[in-house]
Amino acid sequence: MKREELADLSAFAAVAEERSFTRAAKKLGTSQSALSFTIRRLEERLGVRLLSRTTRSVAATEAGERLLRTLGPALDKIGAELAALSELREKPAGNIRITTGEHAAETILWPALVTLLPKYPDIKVELVVDYGLTDIVAERYDAGVRIGEQVARDMIAVPIGPDMSMAVIGAPSYFAGRPIPKRPQDLTAHECINLRLPTYGSIFAWEFEKRGRELKVRVDGQLVFNNMGLRLQAAVAGFGLSYLPEDMVQTHLADGRLVRVLEDWCAPFAGYHLYYPSRRQLTPALAVLVEALRYRA
């Protein structure tokens, strides 16, 4: 393959991923007109249309999607090999792009980065907070962070936190004049603060387990959010019950701003894991981050 052909393929991958000539040109450090010329040249050489263009959007055609599925892993491998050359440097360098949930980003990733990054000024990290179960290969992430049960089996998963438990909580003002729920089914008679996740496409069902018995309960209420912070604030303000990680509410429980219920139904489960494709060679920069995050009980 000629060098210019590889450059053309990289340009196509950038446009297909960004879904925009403007953003791709900025990412590649070139002009939009030059990038358009490159894509036209590639399409003419291959004899197929790779991108469908409108005045508002750009999307890969069927042929483009097929090429991208093959091209993505190959470009990743080339990028990893190039990044591996940084082993010859005194310190690891490179970009790390990670998809993660809000809670893991705030409680695990950010505290680790505060300590790690000053030691490695040539490592750059991008954290993308996303509640969906992102395909890290298709979306060109270096790694992802999710709870253990959500990690696909074909991934290498490294534990980065302890086992977790969820907590059902509410403000004392909410419970004034209301019965305390004794079992998960009782929640259907309560105002609950809901969560909508893109992965499920609907309202998230609260999950419970007791002595091996598992239950999922769909609750209702005035409020639905897609992040944890607002669900906590709404619970403290007395708008209803919320279902949140135990560590997130401990301070509020200790000072009496929140009351916990159904604790015996909230069994522990595998905590956060950092995961990446088994076929991908770790870059020196990502290897440093993995070791910094690895949970040691």
C-alpha atoms as a PDB file:
ATOM      1  CA  MET A   1       0.000   0.000   0.000  1.00  0.00           C
ATOM      2  CA  LYS A   2       1.280   3.434  -0.938  1.00  0.00           C
ATOM      3  CA  ARG A   3       1.723   5.994   1.810  1.00  0.00           C
ATOM      4  CA  GLU A   4      -0.879   8.340   0.317  1.00  0.00           C
ATOM      5  CA  GLU A   5      -3.435   5.493   0.215  1.00  0.00           C
ATOM      6  CA  LEU A   6      -3.030   4.933   3.951  1.00  0.00           C
ATOM      7  CA  ALA A   7      -3.442   8.670   4.525  1.00  0.00           C
ATOM      8  CA  ASP A   8      -6.657   8.645   2.448  1.00  0.00           C
ATOM      9  CA  LEU A   9      -8.058   5.750   4.493  1.00  0.00           C
ATOM     10  CA  SER A  10      -7.219   7.536   7.738  1.00  0.00           C
ATOM     11  CA  ALA A  11      -8.992  10.628   6.443  1.00  0.00           C
ATOM     12  CA  PHE A  12     -12.099   8.590   5.591  1.00  0.00           C
ATOM     13  CA  ALA A  13     -12.104   6.997   9.054  1.00  0.00           C
ATOM     14  CA  ALA A  14     -11.919  10.431  10.679  1.00  0.00           C
ATOM     15  CA  VAL A  15     -14.874  11.794   8.687  1.00  0.00           C
ATOM     16  CA  ALA A  16     -16.960   8.667   9.284  1.00  0.00           C
ATOM     17  CA  GLU A  17     -16.325   8.751  13.021  1.00  0.00           C
ATOM     18  CA  GLU A  18     -16.863  12.502  13.431  1.00  0.00           C
ATOM     19  CA  ARG A  19     -19.835  12.529  10.997  1.00  0.00           C
ATOM     20  CA  SER A  20     -18.598  15.932   9.921  1.00  0.00           C
ATOM     21  CA  PHE A  21     -16.019  17.224   7.444  1.00  0.00           C
ATOM     22  CA  THR A  22     -15.531  20.320   9.596  1.00  0.00           C
ATOM     23  CA  ARG A  23     -14.749  18.409  12.804  1.00  0.00           C
ATOM     24  CA  ALA A  24     -12.644  15.822  10.977  1.00  0.00           C
ATOM     25  CA  ALA A  25     -10.607  18.522   9.241  1.00  0.00           C
ATOM     26  CA  LYS A  26      -9.938  20.188  12.588  1.00  0.00           C
ATOM     27  CA  LYS A  27      -8.954  16.842  14.106  1.00  0.00           C
ATOM     28  CA  LEU A  28      -6.562  16.089  11.231  1.00  0.00           C
ATOM     29  CA  GLY A  29      -5.145  19.599  11.062  1.00  0.00           C
ATOM     30  CA  THR A  30      -6.160  20.179   7.440  1.00  0.00           C
ATOM     31  CA  SER A  31      -8.685  22.264   5.521  1.00  0.00           C
ATOM     32  CA  GLN A  32     -12.230  21.122   4.795  1.00  0.00           C
ATOM     33  CA  SER A  33     -11.717  21.537   1.047  1.00  0.00           C
ATOM     34  CA  ALA A  34      -8.539  19.434   1.107  1.00  0.00           C
ATOM     35  CA  LEU A  35     -10.320  16.746   3.092  1.00  0.00           C
ATOM     36  CA  SER A  36     -13.265  16.717   0.646  1.00  0.00           C
ATOM     37  CA  PHE A  37     -10.829  16.296  -2.242  1.00  0.00           C
ATOM     38  CA  THR A  38      -9.130  13.382  -0.430  1.00  0.00           C
ATOM     39  CA  ILE A  39     -12.435  11.571   0.098  1.00  0.00           C
ATOM     40  CA  ARG A  40     -13.521  12.101  -3.532  1.00  0.00           C
ATOM     41  CA  ARG A  41     -10.171  10.744  -4.706  1.00  0.00           C
ATOM     42  CA  LEU A  42     -10.549   7.655  -2.496  1.00  0.00           C
ATOM     43  CA  GLU A  43     -14.106   7.022  -3.691  1.00  0.00           C
ATOM     44  CA  GLU A  44     -13.051   7.373  -7.331  1.00  0.00           C
ATOM     45  CA  ARG A  45     -10.164   4.985  -6.833  1.00  0.00           C
ATOM     46  CA  LEU A  46     -12.394   2.376  -5.147  1.00  0.00           C
ATOM     47  CA  GLY A  47     -15.339   2.944  -7.477  1.00  0.00           C
ATOM     48  CA  VAL A  48     -17.908   3.126  -4.661  1.00  0.00           C
ATOM     49  CA  ARG A  49     -19.551   5.858  -2.624  1.00  0.00           C
ATOM     50  CA  LEU A  50     -18.278   5.676   0.965  1.00  0.00           C
ATOM     51  CA  LEU A  51     -20.061   8.657   2.499  1.00  0.00           C
ATOM     52  CA  SER A  52     -23.567   9.995   2.140  1.00  0.00           C
ATOM     53  CA  ARG A  53     -23.553  13.782   2.382  1.00  0.00           C
ATOM     54  CA  THR A  54     -26.372  16.212   3.075  1.00  0.00           C
ATOM     55  CA  THR A  55     -26.296  19.889   3.975  1.00  0.00           C
ATOM     56  CA  ARG A  56     -26.540  18.972   7.659  1.00  0.00           C
ATOM     57  CA  SER A  57     -24.882  15.619   8.139  1.00  0.00           C
ATOM     58  CA  VAL A  58     -22.414  13.042   6.883  1.00  0.00           C
ATOM     59  CA  ALA A  59     -22.889   9.291   7.309  1.00  0.00           C
ATOM     60  CA  ALA A  60     -21.133   6.201   6.030  1.00  0.00           C
ATOM     61  CA  THR A  61     -22.869   4.265   3.254  1.00  0.00           C
ATOM     62  CA  GLU A  62     -23.207   0.482   3.432  1.00  0.00           C
ATOM     63  CA  ALA A  63     -19.859   0.187   1.639  1.00  0.00           C
ATOM     64  CA  GLY A  64     -18.368   2.774   3.969  1.00  0.00           C
ATOM     65  CA  GLU A  65     -19.575   0.933   7.070  1.00  0.00           C
ATOM     66  CA  ARG A  66     -18.062  -2.287   5.756  1.00  0.00           C
ATOM     67  CA  LEU A  67     -14.735  -0.603   5.106  1.00  0.00           C
ATOM     68  CA  LEU A  68     -14.788   1.083   8.512  1.00  0.00           C
ATOM     69  CA  ARG A  69     -15.363  -2.216  10.334  1.00  0.00           C
ATOM     70  CA  THR A  70     -12.210  -3.598   8.739  1.00  0.00           C
ATOM     71  CA  LEU A  71     -10.237  -0.397   8.803  1.00  0.00           C
ATOM     72  CA  GLY A  72     -10.873   0.608  12.436  1.00  0.00           C
ATOM     73  CA  PRO A  73      -9.008  -2.291  14.114  1.00  0.00           C
ATOM     74  CA  ALA A  74      -6.153  -2.007  11.586  1.00  0.00           C
ATOM     75  CA  LEU A  75      -5.682   1.698  12.285  1.00  0.00           C
ATOM     76  CA  ASP A  76      -5.904   1.007  16.025  1.00  0.00           C
ATOM     77  CA  LYS A  77      -3.124  -1.549  15.701  1.00  0.00           C
ATOM     78  CA  ILE A  78      -0.947   0.844  13.731  1.00  0.00           C
ATOM     79  CA  GLY A  79      -1.609   3.573  16.291  1.00  0.00           C
ATOM     80  CA  ALA A  80      -0.752   1.247  19.158  1.00  0.00           C
ATOM     81  CA  GLU A  81       2.517   0.224  17.500  1.00  0.00           C
ATOM     82  CA  LEU A  82       3.449   3.851  16.928  1.00  0.00           C
ATOM     83  CA  ALA A  83       2.559   4.722  20.503  1.00  0.00           C
ATOM     84  CA  ALA A  84       4.692   1.811  21.697  1.00  0.00           C
ATOM     85  CA  LEU A  85       7.710   3.639  20.329  1.00  0.00           C
ATOM     86  CA  SER A  86       7.265   6.021  23.235  1.00  0.00           C
ATOM     87  CA  GLU A  87       8.818   3.268  25.359  1.00  0.00           C
ATOM     88  CA  LEU A  88      12.088   4.643  24.034  1.00  0.00           C
ATOM     89  CA  ARG A  89      11.294   7.926  25.728  1.00  0.00           C
ATOM     90  CA  GLU A  90      12.210   8.638  29.316  1.00  0.00           C
ATOM     91  CA  LYS A  91       8.535   8.705  30.273  1.00  0.00           C
ATOM     92  CA  PRO A  92       5.370   7.298  28.578  1.00  0.00           C
ATOM     93  CA  ALA A  93       3.443   9.696  26.397  1.00  0.00           C
ATOM     94  CA  GLY A  94       0.274   9.697  24.332  1.00  0.00           C
ATOM     95  CA  ASN A  95      -3.489  10.171  24.374  1.00  0.00           C
ATOM     96  CA  ILE A  96      -5.887   7.971  26.351  1.00  0.00           C
ATOM     97  CA  ARG A  97      -9.617   8.131  25.607  1.00  0.00           C
ATOM     98  CA  ILE A  98     -11.958   6.466  28.105  1.00  0.00           C
ATOM     99  CA  THR A  99     -15.742   6.085  28.267  1.00  0.00           C
ATOM    100  CA  THR A 100     -17.092   5.938  31.809  1.00  0.00           C
ATOM    101  CA  GLY A 101     -20.105   6.569  33.982  1.00  0.00           C
ATOM    102  CA  GLU A 102     -20.414   9.677  36.138  1.00  0.00           C
ATOM    103  CA  HIS A 103     -19.937   7.920  39.491  1.00  0.00           C
ATOM    104  CA  ALA A 104     -16.768   6.052  38.474  1.00  0.00           C
ATOM    105  CA  ALA A 105     -15.326   9.202  36.901  1.00  0.00           C
ATOM    106  CA  GLU A 106     -15.795  11.213  40.075  1.00  0.00           C
ATOM    107  CA  THR A 107     -14.910   8.609  42.715  1.00  0.00           C
ATOM    108  CA  ILE A 108     -12.173   6.525  41.048  1.00  0.00           C
ATOM    109  CA  LEU A 109     -10.785   7.954  37.809  1.00  0.00           C
ATOM    110  CA  TRP A 110     -10.413  11.593  38.775  1.00  0.00           C
ATOM    111  CA  PRO A 111      -8.727  10.932  42.159  1.00  0.00           C
ATOM    112  CA  ALA A 112      -6.229   8.646  40.390  1.00  0.00           C
ATOM    113  CA  LEU A 113      -5.548  11.177  37.630  1.00  0.00           C
ATOM    114  CA  VAL A 114      -4.900  13.955  40.153  1.00  0.00           C
ATOM    115  CA  THR A 115      -1.968  11.912  41.450  1.00  0.00           C
ATOM    116  CA  LEU A 116      -0.830  10.354  38.166  1.00  0.00           C
ATOM    117  CA  LEU A 117      -0.830  13.166  35.609  1.00  0.00           C
ATOM    118  CA  PRO A 118       1.674  15.490  37.329  1.00  0.00           C
ATOM    119  CA  LYS A 119       4.191  12.613  37.129  1.00  0.00           C
ATOM    120  CA  TYR A 120       3.543  12.085  33.402  1.00  0.00           C
ATOM    121  CA  PRO A 121       3.077  15.481  31.740  1.00  0.00           C
ATOM    122  CA  ASP A 122       3.154  13.942  28.242  1.00  0.00           C
ATOM    123  CA  ILE A 123       0.083  11.751  28.866  1.00  0.00           C
ATOM    124  CA  LYS A 124      -3.231  13.313  27.849  1.00  0.00           C
ATOM    125  CA  VAL A 125      -6.524  11.836  29.072  1.00  0.00           C
ATOM    126  CA  GLU A 126     -10.035  12.368  27.724  1.00  0.00           C
ATOM    127  CA  LEU A 127     -12.896  11.107  29.917  1.00  0.00           C
ATOM    128  CA  VAL A 128     -16.283  10.860  28.198  1.00  0.00           C
ATOM    129  CA  VAL A 129     -19.155  10.394  30.673  1.00  0.00           C
ATOM    130  CA  ASP A 130     -21.717   8.155  29.006  1.00  0.00           C
ATOM    131  CA  TYR A 131     -24.363   5.904  30.572  1.00  0.00           C
ATOM    132  CA  GLY A 132     -24.711   3.788  27.413  1.00  0.00           C
ATOM    133  CA  LEU A 133     -22.784   0.538  26.987  1.00  0.00           C
ATOM    134  CA  THR A 134     -20.518   2.050  24.357  1.00  0.00           C
ATOM    135  CA  ASP A 135     -18.779  -0.171  21.810  1.00  0.00           C
ATOM    136  CA  ILE A 136     -15.240   0.967  22.582  1.00  0.00           C
ATOM    137  CA  VAL A 137     -13.819  -0.619  19.432  1.00  0.00           C
ATOM    138  CA  ALA A 138     -16.319   1.008  17.058  1.00  0.00           C
ATOM    139  CA  GLU A 139     -16.136   4.356  18.848  1.00  0.00           C
ATOM    140  CA  ARG A 140     -12.314   4.287  18.985  1.00  0.00           C
ATOM    141  CA  TYR A 141     -11.918   4.418  22.757  1.00  0.00           C
ATOM    142  CA  ASP A 142      -8.784   3.054  24.364  1.00  0.00           C
ATOM    143  CA  ALA A 143     -10.727   1.670  27.318  1.00  0.00           C
ATOM    144  CA  GLY A 144     -14.018   1.793  29.157  1.00  0.00           C
ATOM    145  CA  VAL A 145     -15.122   1.704  32.793  1.00  0.00           C
ATOM    146  CA  ARG A 146     -18.287  -0.112  33.878  1.00  0.00           C
ATOM    147  CA  ILE A 147     -19.414  -2.338  36.740  1.00  0.00           C
ATOM    148  CA  GLY A 148     -18.197  -5.916  36.426  1.00  0.00           C
ATOM    149  CA  GLU A 149     -21.434  -7.506  35.215  1.00  0.00           C
ATOM    150  CA  GLN A 150     -21.659  -5.083  32.271  1.00  0.00           C
ATOM    151  CA  VAL A 151     -18.246  -5.915  30.776  1.00  0.00           C
ATOM    152  CA  ALA A 152     -18.318  -8.177  27.705  1.00  0.00           C
ATOM    153  CA  ARG A 153     -16.537 -11.491  28.095  1.00  0.00           C
ATOM    154  CA  ASP A 154     -14.202 -10.894  25.158  1.00  0.00           C
ATOM    155  CA  MET A 155     -12.641  -7.931  26.973  1.00  0.00           C
ATOM    156  CA  ILE A 156      -9.741  -7.825  29.387  1.00  0.00           C
ATOM    157  CA  ALA A 157     -11.223  -6.439  32.616  1.00  0.00           C
ATOM    158  CA  VAL A 158      -9.158  -5.014  35.461  1.00  0.00           C
ATOM    159  CA  PRO A 159     -10.899  -4.351  38.812  1.00  0.00           C
ATOM    160  CA  ILE A 160     -10.387  -0.736  39.865  1.00  0.00           C
ATOM    161  CA  GLY A 161     -12.679  -0.570  42.884  1.00  0.00           C
ATOM    162  CA  PRO A 162     -14.235  -2.725  45.634  1.00  0.00           C
ATOM    163  CA  ASP A 163     -17.586  -4.485  45.475  1.00  0.00           C
ATOM    164  CA  MET A 164     -20.507  -2.061  45.530  1.00  0.00           C
ATOM    165  CA  SER A 165     -23.980  -1.875  47.044  1.00  0.00           C
ATOM    166  CA  MET A 166     -26.935   0.284  46.104  1.00  0.00           C
ATOM    167  CA  ALA A 167     -29.082   2.126  48.640  1.00  0.00           C
ATOM    168  CA  VAL A 168     -32.727   3.197  48.608  1.00  0.00           C
ATOM    169  CA  ILE A 169     -32.890   6.518  50.416  1.00  0.00           C
ATOM    170  CA  GLY A 170     -35.274   9.357  51.199  1.00  0.00           C
ATOM    171  CA  ALA A 171     -35.412  12.487  53.327  1.00  0.00           C
ATOM    172  CA  PRO A 172     -37.035  12.423  56.801  1.00  0.00           C
ATOM    173  CA  SER A 173     -39.515  15.002  55.502  1.00  0.00           C
ATOM    174  CA  TYR A 174     -40.602  12.570  52.780  1.00  0.00           C
ATOM    175  CA  PHE A 175     -41.287   9.777  55.277  1.00  0.00           C
ATOM    176  CA  ALA A 176     -43.394  12.030  57.505  1.00  0.00           C
ATOM    177  CA  GLY A 177     -46.862  10.526  57.264  1.00  0.00           C
ATOM    178  CA  ARG A 178     -45.781   7.779  54.852  1.00  0.00           C
ATOM    179  CA  PRO A 179     -45.193   4.093  55.637  1.00  0.00           C
ATOM    180  CA  ILE A 180     -41.647   2.718  55.490  1.00  0.00           C
ATOM    181  CA  PRO A 181     -41.337   0.184  52.621  1.00  0.00           C
ATOM    182  CA  LYS A 182     -40.604  -3.287  54.009  1.00  0.00           C
ATOM    183  CA  ARG A 183     -40.100  -5.086  50.702  1.00  0.00           C
ATOM    184  CA  PRO A 184     -39.255  -3.922  47.152  1.00  0.00           C
ATOM    185  CA  GLN A 185     -42.848  -4.335  45.951  1.00  0.00           C
ATOM    186  CA  ASP A 186     -43.917  -1.640  48.435  1.00  0.00           C
ATOM    187  CA  LEU A 187     -42.036   0.931  46.342  1.00  0.00           C
ATOM    188  CA  THR A 188     -44.867   1.019  43.808  1.00  0.00           C
ATOM    189  CA  ALA A 189     -46.901   2.978  46.382  1.00  0.00           C
ATOM    190  CA  HIS A 190     -44.160   5.596  46.803  1.00  0.00           C
ATOM    191  CA  GLU A 191     -42.919   8.631  44.898  1.00  0.00           C
ATOM    192  CA  CYS A 192     -39.613   7.537  43.367  1.00  0.00           C
ATOM    193  CA  ILE A 193     -36.963   9.532  41.520  1.00  0.00           C
ATOM    194  CA  ASN A 194     -36.245   7.680  38.316  1.00  0.00           C
ATOM    195  CA  LEU A 195     -33.288   7.191  36.008  1.00  0.00           C
ATOM    196  CA  ARG A 196     -33.436   6.917  32.231  1.00  0.00           C
ATOM    197  CA  LEU A 197     -30.505   5.139  30.585  1.00  0.00           C
ATOM    198  CA  PRO A 198     -29.825   5.112  26.825  1.00  0.00           C
ATOM    199  CA  THR A 199     -28.797   1.459  27.117  1.00  0.00           C
ATOM    200  CA  TYR A 200     -32.272   0.402  28.195  1.00  0.00           C
ATOM    201  CA  GLY A 201     -34.205   2.917  26.115  1.00  0.00           C
ATOM    202  CA  SER A 202     -36.666   3.286  28.984  1.00  0.00           C
ATOM    203  CA  ILE A 203     -36.841   3.919  32.715  1.00  0.00           C
ATOM    204  CA  PHE A 204     -34.316   1.843  34.656  1.00  0.00           C
ATOM    205  CA  ALA A 205     -35.863  -0.849  36.871  1.00  0.00           C
ATOM    206  CA  TRP A 206     -34.509  -0.916  40.425  1.00  0.00           C
ATOM    207  CA  GLU A 207     -32.696  -4.192  41.114  1.00  0.00           C
ATOM    208  CA  PHE A 208     -32.799  -6.107  44.394  1.00  0.00           C
ATOM    209  CA  GLU A 209     -31.531  -9.415  45.778  1.00  0.00           C
ATOM    210  CA  LYS A 210     -32.036 -11.244  49.056  1.00  0.00           C
ATOM    211  CA  ARG A 211     -30.867 -14.769  49.848  1.00  0.00           C
ATOM    212  CA  GLY A 212     -30.488 -15.561  46.153  1.00  0.00           C
ATOM    213  CA  ARG A 213     -33.884 -14.173  45.171  1.00  0.00           C
ATOM    214  CA  GLU A 214     -33.643 -11.408  42.570  1.00  0.00           C
ATOM    215  CA  LEU A 215     -36.310  -8.782  41.918  1.00  0.00           C
ATOM    216  CA  LYS A 216     -36.648  -5.882  39.517  1.00  0.00           C
ATOM    217  CA  VAL A 217     -39.183  -3.217  40.402  1.00  0.00           C
ATOM    218  CA  ARG A 218     -40.411  -0.490  38.070  1.00  0.00           C
ATOM    219  CA  VAL A 219     -41.221   2.569  40.120  1.00  0.00           C
ATOM    220  CA  ASP A 220     -42.949   5.857  39.347  1.00  0.00           C
ATOM    221  CA  GLY A 221     -42.758   9.485  40.432  1.00  0.00           C
ATOM    222  CA  GLN A 222     -42.696  13.104  39.310  1.00  0.00           C
ATOM    223  CA  LEU A 223     -39.007  13.236  38.424  1.00  0.00           C
ATOM    224  CA  VAL A 224     -36.752  11.461  35.932  1.00  0.00           C
ATOM    225  CA  PHE A 225     -33.062  12.310  35.506  1.00  0.00           C
ATOM    226  CA  ASN A 226     -30.123  10.861  33.597  1.00  0.00           C
ATOM    227  CA  ASN A 227     -27.459  11.575  36.208  1.00  0.00           C
ATOM    228  CA  MET A 228     -26.809  10.779  39.849  1.00  0.00           C
ATOM    229  CA  GLY A 229     -26.176  14.227  41.252  1.00  0.00           C
ATOM    230  CA  LEU A 230     -29.665  15.529  40.562  1.00  0.00           C
ATOM    231  CA  ARG A 231     -31.295  12.354  41.885  1.00  0.00           C
ATOM    232  CA  LEU A 232     -29.406  12.827  45.137  1.00  0.00           C
ATOM    233  CA  GLN A 233     -30.387  16.501  45.382  1.00  0.00           C
ATOM    234  CA  ALA A 234     -34.039  15.682  44.708  1.00  0.00           C
ATOM    235  CA  ALA A 235     -34.045  13.014  47.416  1.00  0.00           C
ATOM    236  CA  VAL A 236     -32.491  15.379  49.974  1.00  0.00           C
ATOM    237  CA  ALA A 237     -35.132  17.962  49.040  1.00  0.00           C
ATOM    238  CA  GLY A 238     -37.896  15.456  49.889  1.00  0.00           C
ATOM    239  CA  PHE A 239     -39.245  14.765  46.395  1.00  0.00           C
ATOM    240  CA  GLY A 240     -39.179  11.017  46.849  1.00  0.00           C
ATOM    241  CA  LEU A 241     -37.033   7.922  47.167  1.00  0.00           C
ATOM    242  CA  SER A 242     -33.877   7.445  45.134  1.00  0.00           C
ATOM    243  CA  TYR A 243     -31.715   4.442  44.275  1.00  0.00           C
ATOM    244  CA  LEU A 244     -28.017   5.352  44.418  1.00  0.00           C
ATOM    245  CA  PRO A 245     -24.579   3.860  45.166  1.00  0.00           C
ATOM    246  CA  GLU A 246     -24.121   3.392  48.903  1.00  0.00           C
ATOM    247  CA  ASP A 247     -20.865   5.346  49.089  1.00  0.00           C
ATOM    248  CA  MET A 248     -22.516   8.346  47.458  1.00  0.00           C
ATOM    249  CA  VAL A 249     -25.071   8.762  50.264  1.00  0.00           C
ATOM    250  CA  GLN A 250     -23.112   7.740  53.373  1.00  0.00           C
ATOM    251  CA  THR A 251     -22.374  11.311  54.482  1.00  0.00           C
ATOM    252  CA  HIS A 252     -26.037  12.291  54.130  1.00  0.00           C
ATOM    253  CA  LEU A 253     -27.104   9.227  56.117  1.00  0.00           C
ATOM    254  CA  ALA A 254     -24.618  10.006  58.872  1.00  0.00           C
ATOM    255  CA  ASP A 255     -25.814  13.574  59.324  1.00  0.00           C
ATOM    256  CA  GLY A 256     -29.503  12.641  59.206  1.00  0.00           C
ATOM    257  CA  ARG A 257     -30.401  14.345  55.935  1.00  0.00           C
ATOM    258  CA  LEU A 258     -31.355  10.975  54.463  1.00  0.00           C
ATOM    259  CA  VAL A 259     -32.853   7.739  55.764  1.00  0.00           C
ATOM    260  CA  ARG A 260     -32.074   4.336  54.256  1.00  0.00           C
ATOM    261  CA  VAL A 261     -34.669   1.606  53.675  1.00  0.00           C
ATOM    262  CA  LEU A 262     -34.641  -1.941  52.238  1.00  0.00           C
ATOM    263  CA  GLU A 263     -30.980  -2.376  53.163  1.00  0.00           C
ATOM    264  CA  ASP A 264     -31.420  -6.152  53.508  1.00  0.00           C
ATOM    265  CA  TRP A 265     -32.480  -6.275  49.832  1.00  0.00           C
ATOM    266  CA  CYS A 266     -29.385  -4.444  48.532  1.00  0.00           C
ATOM    267  CA  ALA A 267     -26.780  -7.167  48.102  1.00  0.00           C
ATOM    268  CA  PRO A 268     -23.195  -6.326  47.083  1.00  0.00           C
ATOM    269  CA  PHE A 269     -22.098  -6.842  43.478  1.00  0.00           C
ATOM    270  CA  ALA A 270     -18.879  -6.614  41.453  1.00  0.00           C
ATOM    271  CA  GLY A 271     -17.597  -3.036  41.407  1.00  0.00           C
ATOM    272  CA  TYR A 272     -16.008  -0.969  38.658  1.00  0.00           C
ATOM    273  CA  HIS A 273     -13.668  -2.508  36.108  1.00  0.00           C
ATOM    274  CA  LEU A 274     -11.527  -0.860  33.460  1.00  0.00           C
ATOM    275  CA  TYR A 275     -11.731  -2.915  30.279  1.00  0.00           C
ATOM    276  CA  TYR A 276     -10.137  -2.976  26.831  1.00  0.00           C
ATOM    277  CA  PRO A 277     -10.076  -5.375  23.839  1.00  0.00           C
ATOM    278  CA  SER A 278      -8.051  -8.523  24.409  1.00  0.00           C
ATOM    279  CA  ARG A 279      -6.448  -8.240  20.980  1.00  0.00           C
ATOM    280  CA  ARG A 280      -5.211  -4.700  21.541  1.00  0.00           C
ATOM    281  CA  GLN A 281      -1.648  -4.158  22.707  1.00  0.00           C
ATOM    282  CA  LEU A 282      -1.519  -1.771  25.641  1.00  0.00           C
ATOM    283  CA  THR A 283       0.230   1.476  24.888  1.00  0.00           C
ATOM    284  CA  PRO A 284       2.790   2.525  27.520  1.00  0.00           C
ATOM    285  CA  ALA A 285       0.532   5.398  28.576  1.00  0.00           C
ATOM    286  CA  LEU A 286      -2.512   3.160  29.092  1.00  0.00           C
ATOM    287  CA  ALA A 287      -0.375   0.555  30.867  1.00  0.00           C
ATOM    288  CA  VAL A 288       0.697   3.212  33.380  1.00  0.00           C
ATOM    289  CA  LEU A 289      -2.926   4.215  33.979  1.00  0.00           C
ATOM    290  CA  VAL A 290      -4.068   0.595  34.373  1.00  0.00           C
ATOM    291  CA  GLU A 291      -1.492  -0.026  37.069  1.00  0.00           C
ATOM    292  CA  ALA A 292      -2.396   3.211  38.842  1.00  0.00           C
ATOM    293  CA  LEU A 293      -6.092   2.235  38.864  1.00  0.00           C
ATOM    294  CA  ARG A 294      -5.756  -1.486  39.634  1.00  0.00           C
ATOM    295  CA  TYR A 295      -7.674  -2.253  42.834  1.00  0.00           C
ATOM    296  CA  ARG A 296      -5.700  -4.001  45.531  1.00  0.00           C
ATOM    297  CA  ALA A 297      -7.883  -5.081  48.441  1.00  0.00           C
END
